[in-house]
Amino acid sequence: FERYLRLERGLSQHTVRAYMTDLAGLMGHLRAAGAENLAGLDIVALRAWLAEQHRAGLARATLARRTACARVFSTFAHRRGWLADDPGLLLGTAKAGRTLPAVLGQEEARAVLDGPEGEGPKRLRDQAIMEVLYGTGIRVSELCALDVDDVDRDRRTLRVLGKGGRERTVPFGAPAMQALDAWCVQGRPLWLRERSGPALFLGTRGGRIDPGTVRRVVHTRLAAVEGAPDMGPHGLRHTAATHLLEGGADLRSVQEILGHASLNTTQIYTHVSIDRLRSAYRQAHPRA
């Protein structure tokens, strides 16, 4: 089942890990209920398991993922001949509640990106990381996976490998290009080691940078700006998407830039923009 999720469904390693954990919980529930084999997996068992999760107070997003996992596994097991029927077809589609993501205002984003003065490879790398995250809206995992050759300086684009192995081209602006040039020319060579390979962003020991380091960079830069909300790299992704829409970008273009498989995922950012619009209306209109 794990190979199926990775190789045929093309799910990310994080989703695969979460599904396998969910499946282990489901199997544990079946054993505790007295089932001797997989034939005990029916709609009654699935609903009982999900009801148990609900009573435990799990978040709606977690319940939605576990419902999705149960449906995917029951279909997989039925196709393999392990189940006579597919009980997952009788499960309703649980929907996760959507919350509006915290985002930086445009002035806050400018203050964060202006950042502290300083030289040295760490300063140059951190500035390039911030400019690329905000300038492209890519995920932290996508940033860490970037190689030097993924940067097209002439067209000012990045070649990004996203979820499910889907490749896309993402444009970026002049500030990000300047920051990348400074890092690649003045900073990266100082940390370059045999183990560095083609990695664009490096850690202090010369290896490819890891997501934890990127998160620390973002938290540190945000903490230096008074009033800026504390967020990680994904918050900069939310911010980039929101500012694109506020600047007049159409939803399809933002979907392509972010690498969303479904337009429904991108639409949450329209709610952020509308919320700000409503706030501005209340403050400015005499009959609001």
C-alpha atoms as a PDB file:
ATOM      1  CA  PHE A   1       0.000   0.000   0.000  1.00  0.00           C
ATOM      2  CA  GLU A   2       2.875   2.353   0.787  1.00  0.00           C
ATOM      3  CA  ARG A   3       4.478   1.660  -2.599  1.00  0.00           C
ATOM      4  CA  TYR A   4       1.115   2.285  -4.260  1.00  0.00           C
ATOM      5  CA  LEU A   5       0.808   5.680  -2.550  1.00  0.00           C
ATOM      6  CA  ARG A   6       4.333   6.725  -3.493  1.00  0.00           C
ATOM      7  CA  LEU A   7       4.710   5.304  -6.986  1.00  0.00           C
ATOM      8  CA  GLU A   8       1.204   5.189  -8.448  1.00  0.00           C
ATOM      9  CA  ARG A   9      -0.573   7.993  -6.610  1.00  0.00           C
ATOM     10  CA  GLY A  10       2.558  10.162  -6.485  1.00  0.00           C
ATOM     11  CA  LEU A  11       1.785  11.483  -2.998  1.00  0.00           C
ATOM     12  CA  SER A  12       4.387  13.440  -1.049  1.00  0.00           C
ATOM     13  CA  GLN A  13       6.484  11.663   1.577  1.00  0.00           C
ATOM     14  CA  HIS A  14       4.650  13.597   4.306  1.00  0.00           C
ATOM     15  CA  THR A  15       1.230  12.453   3.076  1.00  0.00           C
ATOM     16  CA  VAL A  16       2.437   8.868   2.692  1.00  0.00           C
ATOM     17  CA  ARG A  17       3.802   8.913   6.249  1.00  0.00           C
ATOM     18  CA  ALA A  18       0.526  10.333   7.573  1.00  0.00           C
ATOM     19  CA  TYR A  19      -1.575   7.751   5.675  1.00  0.00           C
ATOM     20  CA  MET A  20       0.553   4.875   6.967  1.00  0.00           C
ATOM     21  CA  THR A  21       0.149   6.143  10.527  1.00  0.00           C
ATOM     22  CA  ASP A  22      -3.611   6.432   9.989  1.00  0.00           C
ATOM     23  CA  LEU A  23      -3.742   2.919   8.559  1.00  0.00           C
ATOM     24  CA  ALA A  24      -1.840   1.507  11.540  1.00  0.00           C
ATOM     25  CA  GLY A  25      -4.470   3.101  13.787  1.00  0.00           C
ATOM     26  CA  LEU A  26      -7.285   1.566  11.738  1.00  0.00           C
ATOM     27  CA  MET A  27      -5.691  -1.886  11.893  1.00  0.00           C
ATOM     28  CA  GLY A  28      -5.250  -1.499  15.649  1.00  0.00           C
ATOM     29  CA  HIS A  29      -8.946  -0.643  15.956  1.00  0.00           C
ATOM     30  CA  LEU A  30      -9.891  -3.758  13.977  1.00  0.00           C
ATOM     31  CA  ARG A  31      -7.769  -5.992  16.204  1.00  0.00           C
ATOM     32  CA  ALA A  32      -9.234  -4.434  19.354  1.00  0.00           C
ATOM     33  CA  ALA A  33     -12.725  -5.033  17.958  1.00  0.00           C
ATOM     34  CA  GLY A  34     -11.949  -8.757  17.587  1.00  0.00           C
ATOM     35  CA  ALA A  35     -11.421  -8.957  13.835  1.00  0.00           C
ATOM     36  CA  GLU A  36      -9.219 -11.924  12.912  1.00  0.00           C
ATOM     37  CA  ASN A  37      -8.329 -10.740   9.406  1.00  0.00           C
ATOM     38  CA  LEU A  38      -8.910  -7.970   6.904  1.00  0.00           C
ATOM     39  CA  ALA A  39     -12.366  -9.318   6.075  1.00  0.00           C
ATOM     40  CA  GLY A  40     -13.506  -7.559   9.231  1.00  0.00           C
ATOM     41  CA  LEU A  41     -13.025  -4.206   7.500  1.00  0.00           C
ATOM     42  CA  ASP A  42     -16.595  -3.205   6.644  1.00  0.00           C
ATOM     43  CA  ILE A  43     -18.561   0.012   6.744  1.00  0.00           C
ATOM     44  CA  VAL A  44     -19.573  -0.575  10.372  1.00  0.00           C
ATOM     45  CA  ALA A  45     -15.921  -0.918  11.411  1.00  0.00           C
ATOM     46  CA  LEU A  46     -14.904   2.169   9.419  1.00  0.00           C
ATOM     47  CA  ARG A  47     -17.636   4.320  10.924  1.00  0.00           C
ATOM     48  CA  ALA A  48     -16.873   3.055  14.421  1.00  0.00           C
ATOM     49  CA  TRP A  49     -13.202   3.932  13.966  1.00  0.00           C
ATOM     50  CA  LEU A  50     -13.961   7.422  12.711  1.00  0.00           C
ATOM     51  CA  ALA A  51     -16.509   7.969  15.501  1.00  0.00           C
ATOM     52  CA  GLU A  52     -13.811   7.008  17.995  1.00  0.00           C
ATOM     53  CA  GLN A  53     -11.503   9.636  16.455  1.00  0.00           C
ATOM     54  CA  HIS A  54     -14.272  12.228  16.654  1.00  0.00           C
ATOM     55  CA  ARG A  55     -14.915  11.491  20.336  1.00  0.00           C
ATOM     56  CA  ALA A  56     -11.187  11.888  20.983  1.00  0.00           C
ATOM     57  CA  GLY A  57     -11.535  15.498  19.843  1.00  0.00           C
ATOM     58  CA  LEU A  58      -9.402  15.332  16.706  1.00  0.00           C
ATOM     59  CA  ALA A  59      -9.383  18.357  14.419  1.00  0.00           C
ATOM     60  CA  ARG A  60     -11.642  18.367  11.368  1.00  0.00           C
ATOM     61  CA  ALA A  61      -8.627  18.386   9.069  1.00  0.00           C
ATOM     62  CA  THR A  62      -7.274  15.212  10.706  1.00  0.00           C
ATOM     63  CA  LEU A  63     -10.661  13.496  10.518  1.00  0.00           C
ATOM     64  CA  ALA A  64     -10.935  14.441   6.847  1.00  0.00           C
ATOM     65  CA  ARG A  65      -7.486  12.983   6.134  1.00  0.00           C
ATOM     66  CA  ARG A  66      -8.267   9.754   8.002  1.00  0.00           C
ATOM     67  CA  THR A  67     -11.526   9.391   6.110  1.00  0.00           C
ATOM     68  CA  ALA A  68      -9.621   9.859   2.842  1.00  0.00           C
ATOM     69  CA  CYS A  69      -7.028   7.289   3.939  1.00  0.00           C
ATOM     70  CA  ALA A  70      -9.747   4.750   4.792  1.00  0.00           C
ATOM     71  CA  ARG A  71     -11.387   5.226   1.396  1.00  0.00           C
ATOM     72  CA  VAL A  72      -8.124   4.919  -0.520  1.00  0.00           C
ATOM     73  CA  PHE A  73      -7.083   1.805   1.396  1.00  0.00           C
ATOM     74  CA  SER A  74     -10.437   0.034   1.090  1.00  0.00           C
ATOM     75  CA  THR A  75     -10.439   0.635  -2.680  1.00  0.00           C
ATOM     76  CA  PHE A  76      -6.861  -0.626  -2.890  1.00  0.00           C
ATOM     77  CA  ALA A  77      -7.674  -3.730  -0.814  1.00  0.00           C
ATOM     78  CA  HIS A  78     -10.777  -4.474  -2.907  1.00  0.00           C
ATOM     79  CA  ARG A  79      -8.810  -4.236  -6.161  1.00  0.00           C
ATOM     80  CA  ARG A  80      -6.176  -6.579  -4.752  1.00  0.00           C
ATOM     81  CA  GLY A  81      -8.872  -9.118  -3.886  1.00  0.00           C
ATOM     82  CA  TRP A  82      -8.432  -8.773  -0.127  1.00  0.00           C
ATOM     83  CA  LEU A  83     -11.974  -7.479   0.341  1.00  0.00           C
ATOM     84  CA  ALA A  84     -15.100  -8.792  -1.374  1.00  0.00           C
ATOM     85  CA  ASP A  85     -16.615  -5.291  -1.427  1.00  0.00           C
ATOM     86  CA  ASP A  86     -15.317  -1.733  -1.111  1.00  0.00           C
ATOM     87  CA  PRO A  87     -16.822  -0.328   2.125  1.00  0.00           C
ATOM     88  CA  GLY A  88     -15.118   3.020   1.619  1.00  0.00           C
ATOM     89  CA  LEU A  89     -17.608   3.860  -1.131  1.00  0.00           C
ATOM     90  CA  LEU A  90     -20.283   4.166   1.555  1.00  0.00           C
ATOM     91  CA  LEU A  91     -18.318   6.723   3.561  1.00  0.00           C
ATOM     92  CA  GLY A  92     -19.269  10.351   3.186  1.00  0.00           C
ATOM     93  CA  THR A  93     -16.629  12.811   2.042  1.00  0.00           C
ATOM     94  CA  ALA A  94     -15.416  14.618   5.127  1.00  0.00           C
ATOM     95  CA  LYS A  95     -14.375  18.204   4.532  1.00  0.00           C
ATOM     96  CA  ALA A  96     -11.731  19.956   6.552  1.00  0.00           C
ATOM     97  CA  GLY A  97     -12.617  23.344   7.929  1.00  0.00           C
ATOM     98  CA  ARG A  98     -10.746  26.125   6.211  1.00  0.00           C
ATOM     99  CA  THR A  99      -9.189  28.876   8.245  1.00  0.00           C
ATOM    100  CA  LEU A 100      -7.838  32.058   6.765  1.00  0.00           C
ATOM    101  CA  PRO A 101      -4.022  31.947   6.862  1.00  0.00           C
ATOM    102  CA  ALA A 102      -2.095  34.687   8.618  1.00  0.00           C
ATOM    103  CA  VAL A 103      -0.321  36.895   6.087  1.00  0.00           C
ATOM    104  CA  LEU A 104       1.973  39.891   6.163  1.00  0.00           C
ATOM    105  CA  GLY A 105       0.783  43.271   5.005  1.00  0.00           C
ATOM    106  CA  GLN A 106       2.725  44.706   2.096  1.00  0.00           C
ATOM    107  CA  GLU A 107       4.562  47.194   4.330  1.00  0.00           C
ATOM    108  CA  GLU A 108       5.384  44.413   6.806  1.00  0.00           C
ATOM    109  CA  ALA A 109       6.695  42.247   3.979  1.00  0.00           C
ATOM    110  CA  ARG A 110       8.890  45.109   2.789  1.00  0.00           C
ATOM    111  CA  ALA A 111      10.286  45.593   6.306  1.00  0.00           C
ATOM    112  CA  VAL A 112      10.995  41.862   6.681  1.00  0.00           C
ATOM    113  CA  LEU A 113      12.774  41.683   3.329  1.00  0.00           C
ATOM    114  CA  ASP A 114      14.821  44.812   3.987  1.00  0.00           C
ATOM    115  CA  GLY A 115      16.126  42.896   6.991  1.00  0.00           C
ATOM    116  CA  PRO A 116      19.263  43.560   9.005  1.00  0.00           C
ATOM    117  CA  GLU A 117      22.412  44.939   7.471  1.00  0.00           C
ATOM    118  CA  GLY A 118      25.476  42.728   7.284  1.00  0.00           C
ATOM    119  CA  GLU A 119      27.812  40.760   5.089  1.00  0.00           C
ATOM    120  CA  GLY A 120      29.097  37.207   5.021  1.00  0.00           C
ATOM    121  CA  PRO A 121      27.723  34.036   3.436  1.00  0.00           C
ATOM    122  CA  LYS A 122      24.993  33.480   6.039  1.00  0.00           C
ATOM    123  CA  ARG A 123      23.537  36.953   5.573  1.00  0.00           C
ATOM    124  CA  LEU A 124      23.640  36.566   1.773  1.00  0.00           C
ATOM    125  CA  ARG A 125      22.064  33.103   1.902  1.00  0.00           C
ATOM    126  CA  ASP A 126      19.320  34.141   4.304  1.00  0.00           C
ATOM    127  CA  GLN A 127      18.450  37.176   2.190  1.00  0.00           C
ATOM    128  CA  ALA A 128      18.244  35.021  -0.937  1.00  0.00           C
ATOM    129  CA  ILE A 129      16.029  32.516   0.888  1.00  0.00           C
ATOM    130  CA  MET A 130      13.607  35.228   2.019  1.00  0.00           C
ATOM    131  CA  GLU A 131      13.470  36.865  -1.413  1.00  0.00           C
ATOM    132  CA  VAL A 132      12.867  33.544  -3.184  1.00  0.00           C
ATOM    133  CA  LEU A 133      10.184  32.341  -0.734  1.00  0.00           C
ATOM    134  CA  TYR A 134       8.249  35.600  -0.944  1.00  0.00           C
ATOM    135  CA  GLY A 135       9.030  36.263  -4.611  1.00  0.00           C
ATOM    136  CA  THR A 136       7.873  32.856  -5.849  1.00  0.00           C
ATOM    137  CA  GLY A 137       5.548  31.407  -3.194  1.00  0.00           C
ATOM    138  CA  ILE A 138       7.253  28.008  -3.435  1.00  0.00           C
ATOM    139  CA  ARG A 139       7.084  25.460  -0.605  1.00  0.00           C
ATOM    140  CA  VAL A 140       9.990  25.015   1.815  1.00  0.00           C
ATOM    141  CA  SER A 141      10.590  21.483   0.514  1.00  0.00           C
ATOM    142  CA  GLU A 142      10.744  22.845  -3.038  1.00  0.00           C
ATOM    143  CA  LEU A 143      13.238  25.523  -2.033  1.00  0.00           C
ATOM    144  CA  CYS A 144      15.507  22.989  -0.312  1.00  0.00           C
ATOM    145  CA  ALA A 145      15.454  20.771  -3.421  1.00  0.00           C
ATOM    146  CA  LEU A 146      16.551  23.540  -5.799  1.00  0.00           C
ATOM    147  CA  ASP A 147      19.799  23.042  -7.718  1.00  0.00           C
ATOM    148  CA  VAL A 148      21.962  25.784  -9.233  1.00  0.00           C
ATOM    149  CA  ASP A 149      20.862  24.803 -12.750  1.00  0.00           C
ATOM    150  CA  ASP A 150      17.199  25.251 -11.784  1.00  0.00           C
ATOM    151  CA  VAL A 151      17.708  29.024 -11.935  1.00  0.00           C
ATOM    152  CA  ASP A 152      17.226  30.534 -15.390  1.00  0.00           C
ATOM    153  CA  ARG A 153      18.803  33.978 -15.095  1.00  0.00           C
ATOM    154  CA  ASP A 154      17.871  35.079 -18.615  1.00  0.00           C
ATOM    155  CA  ARG A 155      14.151  34.415 -18.183  1.00  0.00           C
ATOM    156  CA  ARG A 156      14.199  34.988 -14.386  1.00  0.00           C
ATOM    157  CA  THR A 157      12.418  31.717 -13.646  1.00  0.00           C
ATOM    158  CA  LEU A 158      12.888  28.714 -11.376  1.00  0.00           C
ATOM    159  CA  ARG A 159      12.349  25.095 -12.375  1.00  0.00           C
ATOM    160  CA  VAL A 160      10.511  23.623  -9.384  1.00  0.00           C
ATOM    161  CA  LEU A 161       9.685  19.986  -8.641  1.00  0.00           C
ATOM    162  CA  GLY A 162       6.466  20.009  -6.639  1.00  0.00           C
ATOM    163  CA  LYS A 163       4.098  17.512  -5.063  1.00  0.00           C
ATOM    164  CA  GLY A 164       3.591  14.266  -6.932  1.00  0.00           C
ATOM    165  CA  GLY A 165       6.733  14.895  -8.962  1.00  0.00           C
ATOM    166  CA  ARG A 166       4.985  17.621 -10.968  1.00  0.00           C
ATOM    167  CA  GLU A 167       7.446  20.087 -12.490  1.00  0.00           C
ATOM    168  CA  ARG A 168       6.540  23.724 -13.050  1.00  0.00           C
ATOM    169  CA  THR A 169       8.242  26.970 -13.998  1.00  0.00           C
ATOM    170  CA  VAL A 170       7.886  29.874 -11.563  1.00  0.00           C
ATOM    171  CA  PRO A 171       8.872  33.488 -12.363  1.00  0.00           C
ATOM    172  CA  PHE A 172      10.586  35.778  -9.880  1.00  0.00           C
ATOM    173  CA  GLY A 173      11.500  39.455  -9.768  1.00  0.00           C
ATOM    174  CA  ALA A 174      14.636  41.578  -9.842  1.00  0.00           C
ATOM    175  CA  PRO A 175      15.158  41.708  -6.023  1.00  0.00           C
ATOM    176  CA  ALA A 176      15.211  37.899  -5.838  1.00  0.00           C
ATOM    177  CA  MET A 177      17.612  37.769  -8.800  1.00  0.00           C
ATOM    178  CA  GLN A 178      19.963  40.260  -7.137  1.00  0.00           C
ATOM    179  CA  ALA A 179      19.879  38.285  -3.889  1.00  0.00           C
ATOM    180  CA  LEU A 180      20.543  35.004  -5.710  1.00  0.00           C
ATOM    181  CA  ASP A 181      23.433  36.536  -7.648  1.00  0.00           C
ATOM    182  CA  ALA A 182      24.989  37.852  -4.452  1.00  0.00           C
ATOM    183  CA  TRP A 183      24.652  34.472  -2.727  1.00  0.00           C
ATOM    184  CA  CYS A 184      25.936  32.434  -5.685  1.00  0.00           C
ATOM    185  CA  VAL A 185      28.913  34.700  -6.404  1.00  0.00           C
ATOM    186  CA  GLN A 186      29.983  35.929  -2.970  1.00  0.00           C
ATOM    187  CA  GLY A 187      28.505  33.472  -0.472  1.00  0.00           C
ATOM    188  CA  ARG A 188      28.010  29.951  -1.819  1.00  0.00           C
ATOM    189  CA  PRO A 189      31.648  29.439  -2.947  1.00  0.00           C
ATOM    190  CA  LEU A 190      32.831  29.991   0.650  1.00  0.00           C
ATOM    191  CA  TRP A 191      30.695  27.081   1.916  1.00  0.00           C
ATOM    192  CA  LEU A 192      31.181  24.827  -1.091  1.00  0.00           C
ATOM    193  CA  ARG A 193      32.374  21.324  -0.213  1.00  0.00           C
ATOM    194  CA  GLU A 194      32.576  18.005  -2.017  1.00  0.00           C
ATOM    195  CA  ARG A 195      29.259  17.001  -0.448  1.00  0.00           C
ATOM    196  CA  SER A 196      27.537  20.155  -1.708  1.00  0.00           C
ATOM    197  CA  GLY A 197      26.790  18.774  -5.152  1.00  0.00           C
ATOM    198  CA  PRO A 198      24.534  20.999  -7.264  1.00  0.00           C
ATOM    199  CA  ALA A 199      22.433  22.247  -4.308  1.00  0.00           C
ATOM    200  CA  LEU A 200      21.536  25.928  -4.640  1.00  0.00           C
ATOM    201  CA  PHE A 201      21.192  26.629  -0.921  1.00  0.00           C
ATOM    202  CA  LEU A 202      23.750  25.205   1.502  1.00  0.00           C
ATOM    203  CA  GLY A 203      24.057  24.800   5.238  1.00  0.00           C
ATOM    204  CA  THR A 204      27.101  26.060   7.116  1.00  0.00           C
ATOM    205  CA  ARG A 205      28.819  22.650   6.716  1.00  0.00           C
ATOM    206  CA  GLY A 206      28.372  22.636   2.966  1.00  0.00           C
ATOM    207  CA  GLY A 207      25.500  20.166   2.647  1.00  0.00           C
ATOM    208  CA  ARG A 208      22.119  20.859   1.068  1.00  0.00           C
ATOM    209  CA  ILE A 209      20.060  23.073   3.356  1.00  0.00           C
ATOM    210  CA  ASP A 210      17.292  21.368   5.359  1.00  0.00           C
ATOM    211  CA  PRO A 211      13.736  22.634   6.037  1.00  0.00           C
ATOM    212  CA  GLY A 212      14.440  23.189   9.736  1.00  0.00           C
ATOM    213  CA  THR A 213      17.182  25.676   8.932  1.00  0.00           C
ATOM    214  CA  VAL A 214      14.932  27.539   6.505  1.00  0.00           C
ATOM    215  CA  ARG A 215      12.198  27.758   9.146  1.00  0.00           C
ATOM    216  CA  ARG A 216      14.665  29.217  11.651  1.00  0.00           C
ATOM    217  CA  VAL A 217      15.753  31.805   9.092  1.00  0.00           C
ATOM    218  CA  VAL A 218      12.151  32.891   8.499  1.00  0.00           C
ATOM    219  CA  HIS A 219      11.222  33.017  12.206  1.00  0.00           C
ATOM    220  CA  THR A 220      14.325  35.066  13.015  1.00  0.00           C
ATOM    221  CA  ARG A 221      13.674  37.608  10.264  1.00  0.00           C
ATOM    222  CA  LEU A 222      10.015  37.994  11.248  1.00  0.00           C
ATOM    223  CA  ALA A 223      10.858  38.389  14.935  1.00  0.00           C
ATOM    224  CA  ALA A 224      13.040  41.386  14.047  1.00  0.00           C
ATOM    225  CA  VAL A 225      10.037  43.328  12.673  1.00  0.00           C
ATOM    226  CA  GLU A 226       7.743  44.767  15.325  1.00  0.00           C
ATOM    227  CA  GLY A 227       4.116  43.780  14.859  1.00  0.00           C
ATOM    228  CA  ALA A 228       4.788  41.126  12.211  1.00  0.00           C
ATOM    229  CA  PRO A 229       2.915  37.854  12.894  1.00  0.00           C
ATOM    230  CA  ASP A 230       5.055  34.832  13.701  1.00  0.00           C
ATOM    231  CA  MET A 231       4.874  32.391  10.800  1.00  0.00           C
ATOM    232  CA  GLY A 232       7.043  29.917   8.969  1.00  0.00           C
ATOM    233  CA  PRO A 233       7.939  29.571   5.288  1.00  0.00           C
ATOM    234  CA  HIS A 234       4.377  28.540   4.482  1.00  0.00           C
ATOM    235  CA  GLY A 235       3.219  31.893   5.826  1.00  0.00           C
ATOM    236  CA  LEU A 236       5.382  33.597   3.198  1.00  0.00           C
ATOM    237  CA  ARG A 237       3.728  31.366   0.594  1.00  0.00           C
ATOM    238  CA  HIS A 238       0.306  32.539   1.823  1.00  0.00           C
ATOM    239  CA  THR A 239       1.541  36.114   1.771  1.00  0.00           C
ATOM    240  CA  ALA A 240       2.875  35.867  -1.782  1.00  0.00           C
ATOM    241  CA  ALA A 241      -0.420  34.424  -3.044  1.00  0.00           C
ATOM    242  CA  THR A 242      -2.486  37.084  -1.280  1.00  0.00           C
ATOM    243  CA  HIS A 243      -0.352  39.938  -2.585  1.00  0.00           C
ATOM    244  CA  LEU A 244      -0.528  38.554  -6.125  1.00  0.00           C
ATOM    245  CA  LEU A 245      -4.329  38.564  -6.002  1.00  0.00           C
ATOM    246  CA  GLU A 246      -4.433  42.005  -4.402  1.00  0.00           C
ATOM    247  CA  GLY A 247      -2.217  43.238  -7.218  1.00  0.00           C
ATOM    248  CA  GLY A 248      -4.644  41.990  -9.871  1.00  0.00           C
ATOM    249  CA  ALA A 249      -3.342  38.503 -10.767  1.00  0.00           C
ATOM    250  CA  ASP A 250      -6.027  36.092 -11.917  1.00  0.00           C
ATOM    251  CA  LEU A 251      -6.749  32.953  -9.913  1.00  0.00           C
ATOM    252  CA  ARG A 252      -5.560  30.545 -12.614  1.00  0.00           C
ATOM    253  CA  SER A 253      -2.165  32.213 -12.806  1.00  0.00           C
ATOM    254  CA  VAL A 254      -1.780  32.059  -9.032  1.00  0.00           C
ATOM    255  CA  GLN A 255      -2.758  28.379  -9.138  1.00  0.00           C
ATOM    256  CA  GLU A 256      -0.027  27.726 -11.696  1.00  0.00           C
ATOM    257  CA  ILE A 257       2.591  29.656  -9.730  1.00  0.00           C
ATOM    258  CA  LEU A 258       1.788  27.863  -6.473  1.00  0.00           C
ATOM    259  CA  GLY A 259       1.553  24.441  -8.102  1.00  0.00           C
ATOM    260  CA  HIS A 260      -1.925  23.636  -6.783  1.00  0.00           C
ATOM    261  CA  ALA A 261      -3.508  20.613  -8.434  1.00  0.00           C
ATOM    262  CA  SER A 262      -6.983  22.017  -7.787  1.00  0.00           C
ATOM    263  CA  LEU A 263      -8.271  25.561  -8.125  1.00  0.00           C
ATOM    264  CA  ASN A 264     -10.288  24.990  -4.936  1.00  0.00           C
ATOM    265  CA  THR A 265      -7.039  25.074  -2.950  1.00  0.00           C
ATOM    266  CA  THR A 266      -6.099  28.434  -4.441  1.00  0.00           C
ATOM    267  CA  GLN A 267      -9.512  29.966  -3.772  1.00  0.00           C
ATOM    268  CA  ILE A 268      -8.847  30.342  -0.044  1.00  0.00           C
ATOM    269  CA  TYR A 269      -6.663  33.337  -0.887  1.00  0.00           C
ATOM    270  CA  THR A 270      -9.613  35.137  -2.452  1.00  0.00           C
ATOM    271  CA  HIS A 271     -11.259  34.982   0.970  1.00  0.00           C
ATOM    272  CA  VAL A 272      -8.217  36.665   2.517  1.00  0.00           C
ATOM    273  CA  SER A 273      -8.378  39.468  -0.039  1.00  0.00           C
ATOM    274  CA  ILE A 274     -12.146  39.887   0.355  1.00  0.00           C
ATOM    275  CA  ASP A 275     -11.744  40.008   4.127  1.00  0.00           C
ATOM    276  CA  ARG A 276      -9.257  42.873   3.756  1.00  0.00           C
ATOM    277  CA  LEU A 277     -11.522  44.597   1.258  1.00  0.00           C
ATOM    278  CA  ARG A 278     -14.437  44.369   3.686  1.00  0.00           C
ATOM    279  CA  SER A 279     -12.292  45.801   6.469  1.00  0.00           C
ATOM    280  CA  ALA A 280     -11.211  48.715   4.288  1.00  0.00           C
ATOM    281  CA  TYR A 281     -14.831  49.346   3.291  1.00  0.00           C
ATOM    282  CA  ARG A 282     -15.964  49.462   6.928  1.00  0.00           C
ATOM    283  CA  GLN A 283     -13.233  51.965   7.762  1.00  0.00           C
ATOM    284  CA  ALA A 284     -13.682  54.233   4.763  1.00  0.00           C
ATOM    285  CA  HIS A 285     -17.331  54.246   3.662  1.00  0.00           C
ATOM    286  CA  PRO A 286     -19.614  56.666   5.524  1.00  0.00           C
ATOM    287  CA  ARG A 287     -22.570  54.241   5.294  1.00  0.00           C
ATOM    288  CA  ALA A 288     -20.649  51.044   6.017  1.00  0.00           C
END
